């Protein structure tokens, strides 16, 4: 099992399998948030598949903000090597204090700008 599969994430995804929030838009409940620097993954739902968990959510902070599927194993492997700058290697982390809320309640301007494109 990958380092990002925690009890907290398992509990957050319970009752939220893939496609369970399809079509809910801003009313969809964000179950977890992962981040690496300015990149954020807002997780809406997920299913265990073999030795992985396939998540569906929104990623913001890359070249293009978008809805998409995310492999938890692959997300766990993402690493930013800033050793040359004296910062070591940074990894994706789950936001520990996050409580599930509808997307419309999350105060993240880039996320809200993305969601506004679908109104």
PDB file of N, CA and C in Angstrom:
ATOM      1  N   UNK A   1       0.846  -1.185   0.000  1.00  0.00           N
ATOM      2  CA  UNK A   1       0.000   0.000   0.000  1.00  0.00           C
ATOM      3  C   UNK A   1       0.887   1.243   0.000  1.00  0.00           C
ATOM      4  N   UNK A   2       0.460   2.270  -0.688  1.00  0.00           N
ATOM      5  CA  UNK A   2       1.276   3.481  -0.803  1.00  0.00           C
ATOM      6  C   UNK A   2       1.172   4.345   0.459  1.00  0.00           C
ATOM      7  N   UNK A   3       2.123   5.248   0.615  1.00  0.00           N
ATOM      8  CA  UNK A   3       2.219   6.077   1.818  1.00  0.00           C
ATOM      9  C   UNK A   3       1.031   7.022   1.992  1.00  0.00           C
ATOM     10  N   UNK A   4       0.309   7.350   0.893  1.00  0.00           N
ATOM     11  CA  UNK A   4      -0.814   8.277   0.992  1.00  0.00           C
ATOM     12  C   UNK A   4      -2.124   7.597   1.400  1.00  0.00           C
ATOM     13  N   UNK A   5      -2.154   6.257   1.403  1.00  0.00           N
ATOM     14  CA  UNK A   5      -3.376   5.552   1.807  1.00  0.00           C
ATOM     15  C   UNK A   5      -3.410   5.464   3.323  1.00  0.00           C
ATOM     16  N   UNK A   6      -4.086   6.418   3.918  1.00  0.00           N
ATOM     17  CA  UNK A   6      -4.165   6.513   5.373  1.00  0.00           C
ATOM     18  C   UNK A   6      -5.571   6.155   5.848  1.00  0.00           C
ATOM     19  N   UNK A   7      -5.704   5.946   7.131  1.00  0.00           N
ATOM     20  CA  UNK A   7      -7.028   5.713   7.720  1.00  0.00           C
ATOM     21  C   UNK A   7      -7.923   6.915   7.454  1.00  0.00           C
ATOM     22  N   UNK A   8      -7.352   8.110   7.556  1.00  0.00           N
ATOM     23  CA  UNK A   8      -8.110   9.345   7.314  1.00  0.00           C
ATOM     24  C   UNK A   8      -8.682   9.356   5.896  1.00  0.00           C
ATOM     25  N   UNK A   9      -7.885   8.987   4.904  1.00  0.00           N
ATOM     26  CA  UNK A   9      -8.364   8.978   3.523  1.00  0.00           C
ATOM     27  C   UNK A   9      -9.398   7.879   3.322  1.00  0.00           C
ATOM     28  N   UNK A  10      -9.156   6.697   3.853  1.00  0.00           N
ATOM     29  CA  UNK A  10     -10.114   5.592   3.715  1.00  0.00           C
ATOM     30  C   UNK A  10     -11.475   5.988   4.282  1.00  0.00           C
ATOM     31  N   UNK A  11     -11.474   6.625   5.437  1.00  0.00           N
ATOM     32  CA  UNK A  11     -12.728   7.072   6.050  1.00  0.00           C
ATOM     33  C   UNK A  11     -13.394   8.163   5.218  1.00  0.00           C
ATOM     34  N   UNK A  12     -12.605   9.070   4.660  1.00  0.00           N
ATOM     35  CA  UNK A  12     -13.154  10.161   3.852  1.00  0.00           C
ATOM     36  C   UNK A  12     -13.827   9.642   2.588  1.00  0.00           C
ATOM     37  N   UNK A  13     -13.289   8.574   2.010  1.00  0.00           N
ATOM     38  CA  UNK A  13     -13.832   8.036   0.758  1.00  0.00           C
ATOM     39  C   UNK A  13     -14.989   7.063   0.978  1.00  0.00           C
ATOM     40  N   UNK A  14     -15.177   6.614   2.210  1.00  0.00           N
ATOM     41  CA  UNK A  14     -16.244   5.662   2.503  1.00  0.00           C
ATOM     42  C   UNK A  14     -17.598   6.250   2.108  1.00  0.00           C
ATOM     43  N   UNK A  15     -18.330   5.529   1.275  1.00  0.00           N
ATOM     44  CA  UNK A  15     -19.627   6.013   0.809  1.00  0.00           C
ATOM     45  C   UNK A  15     -19.537   6.950  -0.383  1.00  0.00           C
ATOM     46  N   UNK A  16     -18.338   7.137  -0.921  1.00  0.00           N
ATOM     47  CA  UNK A  16     -18.138   8.022  -2.077  1.00  0.00           C
ATOM     48  C   UNK A  16     -17.369   7.290  -3.179  1.00  0.00           C
ATOM     49  N   UNK A  17     -17.977   6.235  -3.760  1.00  0.00           N
ATOM     50  CA  UNK A  17     -17.307   5.526  -4.854  1.00  0.00           C
ATOM     51  C   UNK A  17     -17.292   6.391  -6.116  1.00  0.00           C
ATOM     52  N   UNK A  18     -16.494   5.991  -7.092  1.00  0.00           N
ATOM     53  CA  UNK A  18     -16.445   6.719  -8.363  1.00  0.00           C
ATOM     54  C   UNK A  18     -17.851   6.886  -8.923  1.00  0.00           C
ATOM     55  N   UNK A  19     -18.114   8.025  -9.499  1.00  0.00           N
ATOM     56  CA  UNK A  19     -19.373   8.426 -10.144  1.00  0.00           C
ATOM     57  C   UNK A  19     -20.484   8.772  -9.153  1.00  0.00           C
ATOM     58  N   UNK A  20     -20.238   8.689  -7.866  1.00  0.00           N
ATOM     59  CA  UNK A  20     -21.291   8.961  -6.887  1.00  0.00           C
ATOM     60  C   UNK A  20     -21.677  10.439  -6.822  1.00  0.00           C
ATOM     61  N   UNK A  21     -20.809  11.325  -7.299  1.00  0.00           N
ATOM     62  CA  UNK A  21     -21.116  12.755  -7.250  1.00  0.00           C
ATOM     63  C   UNK A  21     -21.219  13.362  -8.651  1.00  0.00           C
ATOM     64  N   UNK A  22     -21.334  12.494  -9.633  1.00  0.00           N
ATOM     65  CA  UNK A  22     -21.411  12.930 -11.028  1.00  0.00           C
ATOM     66  C   UNK A  22     -22.539  13.943 -11.217  1.00  0.00           C
ATOM     67  N   UNK A  23     -22.233  15.067 -11.843  1.00  0.00           N
ATOM     68  CA  UNK A  23     -23.227  16.081 -12.164  1.00  0.00           C
ATOM     69  C   UNK A  23     -23.563  17.045 -11.032  1.00  0.00           C
ATOM     70  N   UNK A  24     -22.915  16.941  -9.904  1.00  0.00           N
ATOM     71  CA  UNK A  24     -23.244  17.813  -8.771  1.00  0.00           C
ATOM     72  C   UNK A  24     -22.560  19.173  -8.831  1.00  0.00           C
ATOM     73  N   UNK A  25     -21.559  19.332  -9.684  1.00  0.00           N
ATOM     74  CA  UNK A  25     -20.882  20.620  -9.817  1.00  0.00           C
ATOM     75  C   UNK A  25     -20.350  21.135  -8.493  1.00  0.00           C
ATOM     76  N   UNK A  26     -20.659  22.407  -8.187  1.00  0.00           N
ATOM     77  CA  UNK A  26     -20.166  23.041  -6.955  1.00  0.00           C
ATOM     78  C   UNK A  26     -20.732  22.412  -5.686  1.00  0.00           C
ATOM     79  N   UNK A  27     -21.820  21.644  -5.840  1.00  0.00           N
ATOM     80  CA  UNK A  27     -22.434  20.987  -4.680  1.00  0.00           C
ATOM     81  C   UNK A  27     -21.713  19.697  -4.299  1.00  0.00           C
ATOM     82  N   UNK A  28     -20.836  19.190  -5.178  1.00  0.00           N
ATOM     83  CA  UNK A  28     -20.089  17.967  -4.867  1.00  0.00           C
ATOM     84  C   UNK A  28     -19.269  18.197  -3.604  1.00  0.00           C
ATOM     85  N   UNK A  29     -19.203  17.178  -2.772  1.00  0.00           N
ATOM     86  CA  UNK A  29     -18.467  17.280  -1.511  1.00  0.00           C
ATOM     87  C   UNK A  29     -17.017  16.874  -1.735  1.00  0.00           C
ATOM     88  N   UNK A  30     -16.119  17.782  -1.416  1.00  0.00           N
ATOM     89  CA  UNK A  30     -14.691  17.482  -1.474  1.00  0.00           C
ATOM     90  C   UNK A  30     -14.359  16.642  -0.250  1.00  0.00           C
ATOM     91  N   UNK A  31     -13.788  15.462  -0.477  1.00  0.00           N
ATOM     92  CA  UNK A  31     -13.528  14.511   0.596  1.00  0.00           C
ATOM     93  C   UNK A  31     -12.120  14.631   1.175  1.00  0.00           C
ATOM     94  N   UNK A  32     -11.171  15.100   0.363  1.00  0.00           N
ATOM     95  CA  UNK A  32      -9.781  15.224   0.812  1.00  0.00           C
ATOM     96  C   UNK A  32      -9.058  16.201  -0.098  1.00  0.00           C
ATOM     97  N   UNK A  33      -7.952  16.748   0.399  1.00  0.00           N
ATOM     98  CA  UNK A  33      -7.120  17.659  -0.388  1.00  0.00           C
ATOM     99  C   UNK A  33      -5.669  17.218  -0.248  1.00  0.00           C
ATOM    100  N   UNK A  34      -4.997  17.137  -1.391  1.00  0.00           N
ATOM    101  CA  UNK A  34      -3.563  16.865  -1.426  1.00  0.00           C
ATOM    102  C   UNK A  34      -2.885  18.081  -2.025  1.00  0.00           C
ATOM    103  N   UNK A  35      -1.621  18.308  -1.660  1.00  0.00           N
ATOM    104  CA  UNK A  35      -0.908  19.475  -2.182  1.00  0.00           C
ATOM    105  C   UNK A  35       0.581  19.199  -2.317  1.00  0.00           C
ATOM    106  N   UNK A  36       1.172  19.910  -3.258  1.00  0.00           N
ATOM    107  CA  UNK A  36       2.624  19.970  -3.435  1.00  0.00           C
ATOM    108  C   UNK A  36       2.908  21.373  -3.942  1.00  0.00           C
ATOM    109  N   UNK A  37       3.439  22.220  -3.083  1.00  0.00           N
ATOM    110  CA  UNK A  37       3.643  23.612  -3.460  1.00  0.00           C
ATOM    111  C   UNK A  37       2.298  24.261  -3.748  1.00  0.00           C
ATOM    112  N   UNK A  38       2.187  24.916  -4.903  1.00  0.00           N
ATOM    113  CA  UNK A  38       0.947  25.593  -5.279  1.00  0.00           C
ATOM    114  C   UNK A  38      -0.041  24.680  -5.998  1.00  0.00           C
ATOM    115  N   UNK A  39       0.312  23.424  -6.189  1.00  0.00           N
ATOM    116  CA  UNK A  39      -0.578  22.471  -6.865  1.00  0.00           C
ATOM    117  C   UNK A  39      -1.455  21.801  -5.817  1.00  0.00           C
ATOM    118  N   UNK A  40      -2.776  21.803  -6.079  1.00  0.00           N
ATOM    119  CA  UNK A  40      -3.725  21.181  -5.160  1.00  0.00           C
ATOM    120  C   UNK A  40      -4.613  20.201  -5.910  1.00  0.00           C
ATOM    121  N   UNK A  41      -4.854  19.056  -5.258  1.00  0.00           N
ATOM    122  CA  UNK A  41      -5.769  18.040  -5.785  1.00  0.00           C
ATOM    123  C   UNK A  41      -6.955  17.977  -4.831  1.00  0.00           C
ATOM    124  N   UNK A  42      -8.146  18.322  -5.320  1.00  0.00           N
ATOM    125  CA  UNK A  42      -9.372  18.283  -4.521  1.00  0.00           C
ATOM    126  C   UNK A  42     -10.087  16.980  -4.869  1.00  0.00           C
ATOM    127  N   UNK A  43     -10.116  16.044  -3.941  1.00  0.00           N
ATOM    128  CA  UNK A  43     -10.609  14.693  -4.193  1.00  0.00           C
ATOM    129  C   UNK A  43     -12.097  14.598  -3.867  1.00  0.00           C
ATOM    130  N   UNK A  44     -12.863  14.082  -4.846  1.00  0.00           N
ATOM    131  CA  UNK A  44     -14.312  13.969  -4.687  1.00  0.00           C
ATOM    132  C   UNK A  44     -14.778  12.555  -4.385  1.00  0.00           C
ATOM    133  N   UNK A  45     -14.084  11.551  -4.911  1.00  0.00           N
ATOM    134  CA  UNK A  45     -14.527  10.160  -4.773  1.00  0.00           C
ATOM    135  C   UNK A  45     -13.405   9.222  -5.169  1.00  0.00           C
ATOM    136  N   UNK A  46     -13.573   7.937  -4.873  1.00  0.00           N
ATOM    137  CA  UNK A  46     -12.525   6.990  -5.240  1.00  0.00           C
ATOM    138  C   UNK A  46     -12.915   5.547  -4.992  1.00  0.00           C
ATOM    139  N   UNK A  47     -12.232   4.642  -5.702  1.00  0.00           N
ATOM    140  CA  UNK A  47     -12.434   3.192  -5.583  1.00  0.00           C
ATOM    141  C   UNK A  47     -11.094   2.501  -5.485  1.00  0.00           C
ATOM    142  N   UNK A  48     -11.043   1.459  -4.670  1.00  0.00           N
ATOM    143  CA  UNK A  48      -9.861   0.601  -4.630  1.00  0.00           C
ATOM    144  C   UNK A  48      -9.890  -0.278  -5.879  1.00  0.00           C
ATOM    145  N   UNK A  49      -8.753  -0.378  -6.554  1.00  0.00           N
ATOM    146  CA  UNK A  49      -8.595  -1.247  -7.722  1.00  0.00           C
ATOM    147  C   UNK A  49      -7.272  -1.977  -7.580  1.00  0.00           C
ATOM    148  N   UNK A  50      -7.345  -3.271  -7.296  1.00  0.00           N
ATOM    149  CA  UNK A  50      -6.167  -4.100  -7.053  1.00  0.00           C
ATOM    150  C   UNK A  50      -5.329  -3.471  -5.937  1.00  0.00           C
ATOM    151  N   UNK A  51      -4.076  -3.123  -6.221  1.00  0.00           N
ATOM    152  CA  UNK A  51      -3.210  -2.549  -5.178  1.00  0.00           C
ATOM    153  C   UNK A  51      -3.141  -1.025  -5.253  1.00  0.00           C
ATOM    154  N   UNK A  52      -4.151  -0.402  -5.846  1.00  0.00           N
ATOM    155  CA  UNK A  52      -4.176   1.049  -6.021  1.00  0.00           C
ATOM    156  C   UNK A  52      -5.551   1.568  -5.618  1.00  0.00           C
ATOM    157  N   UNK A  53      -5.667   2.869  -5.515  1.00  0.00           N
ATOM    158  CA  UNK A  53      -6.949   3.537  -5.336  1.00  0.00           C
ATOM    159  C   UNK A  53      -7.045   4.556  -6.460  1.00  0.00           C
ATOM    160  N   UNK A  54      -8.127   4.472  -7.236  1.00  0.00           N
ATOM    161  CA  UNK A  54      -8.354   5.427  -8.315  1.00  0.00           C
ATOM    162  C   UNK A  54      -9.286   6.500  -7.776  1.00  0.00           C
ATOM    163  N   UNK A  55      -8.821   7.726  -7.840  1.00  0.00           N
ATOM    164  CA  UNK A  55      -9.553   8.874  -7.323  1.00  0.00           C
ATOM    165  C   UNK A  55     -10.083   9.709  -8.478  1.00  0.00           C
ATOM    166  N   UNK A  56     -11.134  10.472  -8.218  1.00  0.00           N
ATOM    167  CA  UNK A  56     -11.607  11.458  -9.176  1.00  0.00           C
ATOM    168  C   UNK A  56     -11.668  12.777  -8.439  1.00  0.00           C
ATOM    169  N   UNK A  57     -11.191  13.825  -9.113  1.00  0.00           N
ATOM    170  CA  UNK A  57     -11.197  15.129  -8.477  1.00  0.00           C
ATOM    171  C   UNK A  57     -10.785  16.228  -9.428  1.00  0.00           C
ATOM    172  N   UNK A  58     -10.373  17.320  -8.848  1.00  0.00           N
ATOM    173  CA  UNK A  58      -9.959  18.508  -9.596  1.00  0.00           C
ATOM    174  C   UNK A  58      -8.528  18.831  -9.192  1.00  0.00           C
ATOM    175  N   UNK A  59      -7.687  19.079 -10.186  1.00  0.00           N
ATOM    176  CA  UNK A  59      -6.328  19.536  -9.900  1.00  0.00           C
ATOM    177  C   UNK A  59      -6.221  20.985 -10.370  1.00  0.00           C
ATOM    178  N   UNK A  60      -5.671  21.833  -9.512  1.00  0.00           N
ATOM    179  CA  UNK A  60      -5.416  23.226  -9.875  1.00  0.00           C
ATOM    180  C   UNK A  60      -3.963  23.547  -9.555  1.00  0.00           C
ATOM    181  N   UNK A  61      -3.408  24.461 -10.339  1.00  0.00           N
ATOM    182  CA  UNK A  61      -2.039  24.900 -10.084  1.00  0.00           C
ATOM    183  C   UNK A  61      -1.027  24.381 -11.078  1.00  0.00           C
ATOM    184  N   UNK A  62      -1.458  23.506 -11.979  1.00  0.00           N
ATOM    185  CA  UNK A  62      -0.579  23.062 -13.060  1.00  0.00           C
ATOM    186  C   UNK A  62      -0.851  23.951 -14.268  1.00  0.00           C
ATOM    187  N   UNK A  63      -0.387  23.571 -15.435  1.00  0.00           N
ATOM    188  CA  UNK A  63      -0.620  24.388 -16.629  1.00  0.00           C
ATOM    189  C   UNK A  63      -2.100  24.594 -16.900  1.00  0.00           C
ATOM    190  N   UNK A  64      -2.888  23.546 -16.702  1.00  0.00           N
ATOM    191  CA  UNK A  64      -4.329  23.613 -16.946  1.00  0.00           C
ATOM    192  C   UNK A  64      -5.052  23.022 -15.744  1.00  0.00           C
ATOM    193  N   UNK A  65      -6.006  23.756 -15.203  1.00  0.00           N
ATOM    194  CA  UNK A  65      -6.840  23.226 -14.124  1.00  0.00           C
ATOM    195  C   UNK A  65      -7.866  22.305 -14.769  1.00  0.00           C
ATOM    196  N   UNK A  66      -8.131  21.148 -14.143  1.00  0.00           N
ATOM    197  CA  UNK A  66      -9.035  20.201 -14.795  1.00  0.00           C
ATOM    198  C   UNK A  66      -9.580  19.158 -13.835  1.00  0.00           C
ATOM    199  N   UNK A  67     -10.734  18.591 -14.246  1.00  0.00           N
ATOM    200  CA  UNK A  67     -11.262  17.385 -13.614  1.00  0.00           C
ATOM    201  C   UNK A  67     -10.454  16.219 -14.143  1.00  0.00           C
ATOM    202  N   UNK A  68     -10.292  15.172 -13.353  1.00  0.00           N
ATOM    203  CA  UNK A  68      -9.599  14.006 -13.867  1.00  0.00           C
ATOM    204  C   UNK A  68      -9.489  12.885 -12.858  1.00  0.00           C
ATOM    205  N   UNK A  69      -9.006  11.759 -13.360  1.00  0.00           N
ATOM    206  CA  UNK A  69      -8.763  10.577 -12.532  1.00  0.00           C
ATOM    207  C   UNK A  69      -7.314  10.595 -12.066  1.00  0.00           C
ATOM    208  N   UNK A  70      -7.103  10.135 -10.852  1.00  0.00           N
ATOM    209  CA  UNK A  70      -5.780  10.176 -10.244  1.00  0.00           C
ATOM    210  C   UNK A  70      -5.501   8.817  -9.615  1.00  0.00           C
ATOM    211  N   UNK A  71      -4.365   8.247  -9.929  1.00  0.00           N
ATOM    212  CA  UNK A  71      -3.916   7.029  -9.261  1.00  0.00           C
ATOM    213  C   UNK A  71      -3.236   7.442  -7.961  1.00  0.00           C
ATOM    214  N   UNK A  72      -3.690   6.899  -6.846  1.00  0.00           N
ATOM    215  CA  UNK A  72      -3.072   7.246  -5.566  1.00  0.00           C
ATOM    216  C   UNK A  72      -1.616   6.798  -5.527  1.00  0.00           C
ATOM    217  N   UNK A  73      -1.315   5.648  -6.129  1.00  0.00           N
ATOM    218  CA  UNK A  73       0.079   5.187  -6.181  1.00  0.00           C
ATOM    219  C   UNK A  73       0.950   6.168  -6.958  1.00  0.00           C
ATOM    220  N   UNK A  74       0.453   6.649  -8.097  1.00  0.00           N
ATOM    221  CA  UNK A  74       1.226   7.606  -8.897  1.00  0.00           C
ATOM    222  C   UNK A  74       1.371   8.935  -8.164  1.00  0.00           C
ATOM    223  N   UNK A  75       0.303   9.389  -7.515  1.00  0.00           N
ATOM    224  CA  UNK A  75       0.368  10.639  -6.754  1.00  0.00           C
ATOM    225  C   UNK A  75       1.402  10.521  -5.638  1.00  0.00           C
ATOM    226  N   UNK A  76       1.461   9.358  -5.031  1.00  0.00           N
ATOM    227  CA  UNK A  76       2.424   9.095  -3.962  1.00  0.00           C
ATOM    228  C   UNK A  76       3.868   9.169  -4.455  1.00  0.00           C
ATOM    229  N   UNK A  77       4.075   8.865  -5.728  1.00  0.00           N
ATOM    230  CA  UNK A  77       5.423   8.870  -6.307  1.00  0.00           C
ATOM    231  C   UNK A  77       5.883  10.242  -6.788  1.00  0.00           C
ATOM    232  N   UNK A  78       4.976  11.218  -6.862  1.00  0.00           N
ATOM    233  CA  UNK A  78       5.352  12.553  -7.339  1.00  0.00           C
ATOM    234  C   UNK A  78       6.304  13.182  -6.327  1.00  0.00           C
ATOM    235  N   UNK A  79       7.428  13.675  -6.841  1.00  0.00           N
ATOM    236  CA  UNK A  79       8.464  14.227  -5.974  1.00  0.00           C
ATOM    237  C   UNK A  79       9.111  15.419  -6.679  1.00  0.00           C
ATOM    238  N   UNK A  80       9.369  16.452  -5.942  1.00  0.00           N
ATOM    239  CA  UNK A  80      10.029  17.643  -6.464  1.00  0.00           C
ATOM    240  C   UNK A  80      11.382  17.739  -5.774  1.00  0.00           C
ATOM    241  N   UNK A  81      12.453  17.560  -6.549  1.00  0.00           N
ATOM    242  CA  UNK A  81      13.802  17.548  -5.975  1.00  0.00           C
ATOM    243  C   UNK A  81      14.379  18.957  -5.966  1.00  0.00           C
ATOM    244  N   UNK A  82      14.403  19.543  -4.790  1.00  0.00           N
ATOM    245  CA  UNK A  82      14.959  20.888  -4.612  1.00  0.00           C
ATOM    246  C   UNK A  82      16.226  20.833  -3.763  1.00  0.00           C
ATOM    247  N   UNK A  83      16.926  19.718  -3.867  1.00  0.00           N
ATOM    248  CA  UNK A  83      18.165  19.536  -3.098  1.00  0.00           C
ATOM    249  C   UNK A  83      19.199  20.597  -3.443  1.00  0.00           C
ATOM    250  N   UNK A  84      19.278  20.971  -4.711  1.00  0.00           N
ATOM    251  CA  UNK A  84      20.256  21.970  -5.142  1.00  0.00           C
ATOM    252  C   UNK A  84      19.990  23.332  -4.491  1.00  0.00           C
ATOM    253  N   UNK A  85      18.738  23.571  -4.099  1.00  0.00           N
ATOM    254  CA  UNK A  85      18.381  24.824  -3.439  1.00  0.00           C
ATOM    255  C   UNK A  85      18.402  24.672  -1.914  1.00  0.00           C
ATOM    256  N   UNK A  86      18.825  23.504  -1.450  1.00  0.00           N
ATOM    257  CA  UNK A  86      18.914  23.267  -0.017  1.00  0.00           C
ATOM    258  C   UNK A  86      17.601  22.897   0.648  1.00  0.00           C
ATOM    259  N   UNK A  87      16.592  22.561  -0.157  1.00  0.00           N
ATOM    260  CA  UNK A  87      15.274  22.255   0.400  1.00  0.00           C
ATOM    261  C   UNK A  87      14.955  20.768   0.431  1.00  0.00           C
ATOM    262  N   UNK A  88      15.835  19.953  -0.106  1.00  0.00           N
ATOM    263  CA  UNK A  88      15.579  18.509  -0.120  1.00  0.00           C
ATOM    264  C   UNK A  88      14.544  18.126  -1.157  1.00  0.00           C
ATOM    265  N   UNK A  89      13.908  16.993  -0.924  1.00  0.00           N
ATOM    266  CA  UNK A  89      12.884  16.495  -1.845  1.00  0.00           C
ATOM    267  C   UNK A  89      11.510  16.692  -1.220  1.00  0.00           C
ATOM    268  N   UNK A  90      10.628  17.330  -1.976  1.00  0.00           N
ATOM    269  CA  UNK A  90       9.266  17.571  -1.510  1.00  0.00           C
ATOM    270  C   UNK A  90       8.342  16.524  -2.118  1.00  0.00           C
ATOM    271  N   UNK A  91       7.364  16.081  -1.338  1.00  0.00           N
ATOM    272  CA  UNK A  91       6.405  15.091  -1.800  1.00  0.00           C
ATOM    273  C   UNK A  91       4.988  15.611  -1.609  1.00  0.00           C
ATOM    274  N   UNK A  92       4.061  15.030  -2.365  1.00  0.00           N
ATOM    275  CA  UNK A  92       2.644  15.336  -2.194  1.00  0.00           C
ATOM    276  C   UNK A  92       2.235  14.909  -0.787  1.00  0.00           C
ATOM    277  N   UNK A  93       1.459  15.769  -0.133  1.00  0.00           N
ATOM    278  CA  UNK A  93       0.970  15.490   1.220  1.00  0.00           C
ATOM    279  C   UNK A  93      -0.541  15.728   1.280  1.00  0.00           C
ATOM    280  N   UNK A  94      -1.205  14.971   2.141  1.00  0.00           N
ATOM    281  CA  UNK A  94      -2.623  15.195   2.377  1.00  0.00           C
ATOM    282  C   UNK A  94      -2.781  16.300   3.408  1.00  0.00           C
ATOM    283  N   UNK A  95      -3.723  17.202   3.171  1.00  0.00           N
ATOM    284  CA  UNK A  95      -4.006  18.270   4.130  1.00  0.00           C
ATOM    285  C   UNK A  95      -4.684  17.634   5.343  1.00  0.00           C
ATOM    286  N   UNK A  96      -4.008  17.624   6.456  1.00  0.00           N
ATOM    287  CA  UNK A  96      -4.455  16.879   7.636  1.00  0.00           C
ATOM    288  C   UNK A  96      -5.689  17.459   8.321  1.00  0.00           C
ATOM    289  N   UNK A  97      -5.839  18.754   8.333  1.00  0.00           N
ATOM    290  CA  UNK A  97      -6.938  19.367   9.079  1.00  0.00           C
ATOM    291  C   UNK A  97      -8.194  19.587   8.242  1.00  0.00           C
ATOM    292  N   UNK A  98      -8.227  19.051   7.027  1.00  0.00           N
ATOM    293  CA  UNK A  98      -9.360  19.283   6.131  1.00  0.00           C
ATOM    294  C   UNK A  98     -10.581  18.479   6.559  1.00  0.00           C
ATOM    295  N   UNK A  99     -11.729  19.136   6.583  1.00  0.00           N
ATOM    296  CA  UNK A  99     -13.014  18.482   6.850  1.00  0.00           C
ATOM    297  C   UNK A  99     -13.846  18.546   5.571  1.00  0.00           C
ATOM    298  N   UNK A 100     -14.483  17.439   5.166  1.00  0.00           N
ATOM    299  CA  UNK A 100     -15.267  17.430   3.928  1.00  0.00           C
ATOM    300  C   UNK A 100     -16.323  18.534   3.896  1.00  0.00           C
ATOM    301  N   UNK A 101     -16.355  19.254   2.776  1.00  0.00           N
ATOM    302  CA  UNK A 101     -17.324  20.329   2.553  1.00  0.00           C
ATOM    303  C   UNK A 101     -17.644  20.384   1.062  1.00  0.00           C
ATOM    304  N   UNK A 102     -18.802  20.975   0.691  1.00  0.00           N
ATOM    305  CA  UNK A 102     -19.079  21.180  -0.727  1.00  0.00           C
ATOM    306  C   UNK A 102     -17.994  22.064  -1.350  1.00  0.00           C
ATOM    307  N   UNK A 103     -17.690  21.797  -2.605  1.00  0.00           N
ATOM    308  CA  UNK A 103     -16.658  22.566  -3.309  1.00  0.00           C
ATOM    309  C   UNK A 103     -16.896  24.068  -3.222  1.00  0.00           C
ATOM    310  N   UNK A 104     -18.163  24.484  -3.285  1.00  0.00           N
ATOM    311  CA  UNK A 104     -18.478  25.919  -3.285  1.00  0.00           C
ATOM    312  C   UNK A 104     -18.043  26.615  -2.000  1.00  0.00           C
ATOM    313  N   UNK A 105     -17.790  25.861  -0.935  1.00  0.00           N
ATOM    314  CA  UNK A 105     -17.397  26.456   0.345  1.00  0.00           C
ATOM    315  C   UNK A 105     -15.885  26.543   0.541  1.00  0.00           C
ATOM    316  N   UNK A 106     -15.128  26.000  -0.386  1.00  0.00           N
ATOM    317  CA  UNK A 106     -13.671  26.017  -0.241  1.00  0.00           C
ATOM    318  C   UNK A 106     -13.133  27.361  -0.717  1.00  0.00           C
ATOM    319  N   UNK A 107     -12.411  28.041   0.140  1.00  0.00           N
ATOM    320  CA  UNK A 107     -11.879  29.360  -0.188  1.00  0.00           C
ATOM    321  C   UNK A 107     -10.532  29.222  -0.886  1.00  0.00           C
ATOM    322  N   UNK A 108     -10.612  28.893  -2.159  1.00  0.00           N
ATOM    323  CA  UNK A 108      -9.434  28.766  -3.018  1.00  0.00           C
ATOM    324  C   UNK A 108      -9.827  29.426  -4.335  1.00  0.00           C
ATOM    325  N   UNK A 109      -9.261  30.586  -4.620  1.00  0.00           N
ATOM    326  CA  UNK A 109      -9.699  31.369  -5.783  1.00  0.00           C
ATOM    327  C   UNK A 109      -9.508  30.620  -7.094  1.00  0.00           C
ATOM    328  N   UNK A 110      -8.426  29.894  -7.221  1.00  0.00           N
ATOM    329  CA  UNK A 110      -8.201  29.169  -8.477  1.00  0.00           C
ATOM    330  C   UNK A 110      -9.249  28.068  -8.657  1.00  0.00           C
ATOM    331  N   UNK A 111      -9.593  27.362  -7.597  1.00  0.00           N
ATOM    332  CA  UNK A 111     -10.647  26.350  -7.663  1.00  0.00           C
ATOM    333  C   UNK A 111     -11.978  26.997  -8.021  1.00  0.00           C
ATOM    334  N   UNK A 112     -12.314  28.093  -7.373  1.00  0.00           N
ATOM    335  CA  UNK A 112     -13.597  28.744  -7.636  1.00  0.00           C
ATOM    336  C   UNK A 112     -13.662  29.309  -9.054  1.00  0.00           C
ATOM    337  N   UNK A 113     -12.552  29.835  -9.570  1.00  0.00           N
ATOM    338  CA  UNK A 113     -12.512  30.301 -10.963  1.00  0.00           C
ATOM    339  C   UNK A 113     -12.742  29.136 -11.915  1.00  0.00           C
ATOM    340  N   UNK A 114     -12.147  27.991 -11.616  1.00  0.00           N
ATOM    341  CA  UNK A 114     -12.341  26.796 -12.443  1.00  0.00           C
ATOM    342  C   UNK A 114     -13.809  26.378 -12.424  1.00  0.00           C
ATOM    343  N   UNK A 115     -14.408  26.298 -11.256  1.00  0.00           N
ATOM    344  CA  UNK A 115     -15.806  25.874 -11.139  1.00  0.00           C
ATOM    345  C   UNK A 115     -16.756  26.846 -11.830  1.00  0.00           C
ATOM    346  N   UNK A 116     -16.432  28.135 -11.828  1.00  0.00           N
ATOM    347  CA  UNK A 116     -17.284  29.149 -12.462  1.00  0.00           C
ATOM    348  C   UNK A 116     -17.386  28.939 -13.968  1.00  0.00           C
ATOM    349  N   UNK A 117     -16.416  28.277 -14.557  1.00  0.00           N
ATOM    350  CA  UNK A 117     -16.459  28.012 -16.006  1.00  0.00           C
ATOM    351  C   UNK A 117     -17.603  27.083 -16.379  1.00  0.00           C
ATOM    352  N   UNK A 118     -18.176  26.375 -15.416  1.00  0.00           N
ATOM    353  CA  UNK A 118     -19.218  25.394 -15.696  1.00  0.00           C
ATOM    354  C   UNK A 118     -20.607  25.867 -15.291  1.00  0.00           C
ATOM    355  N   UNK A 119     -20.734  27.123 -14.910  1.00  0.00           N
ATOM    356  CA  UNK A 119     -22.051  27.651 -14.499  1.00  0.00           C
ATOM    357  C   UNK A 119     -22.872  28.037 -15.705  1.00  0.00           C
TER     358      UNK A 119
END
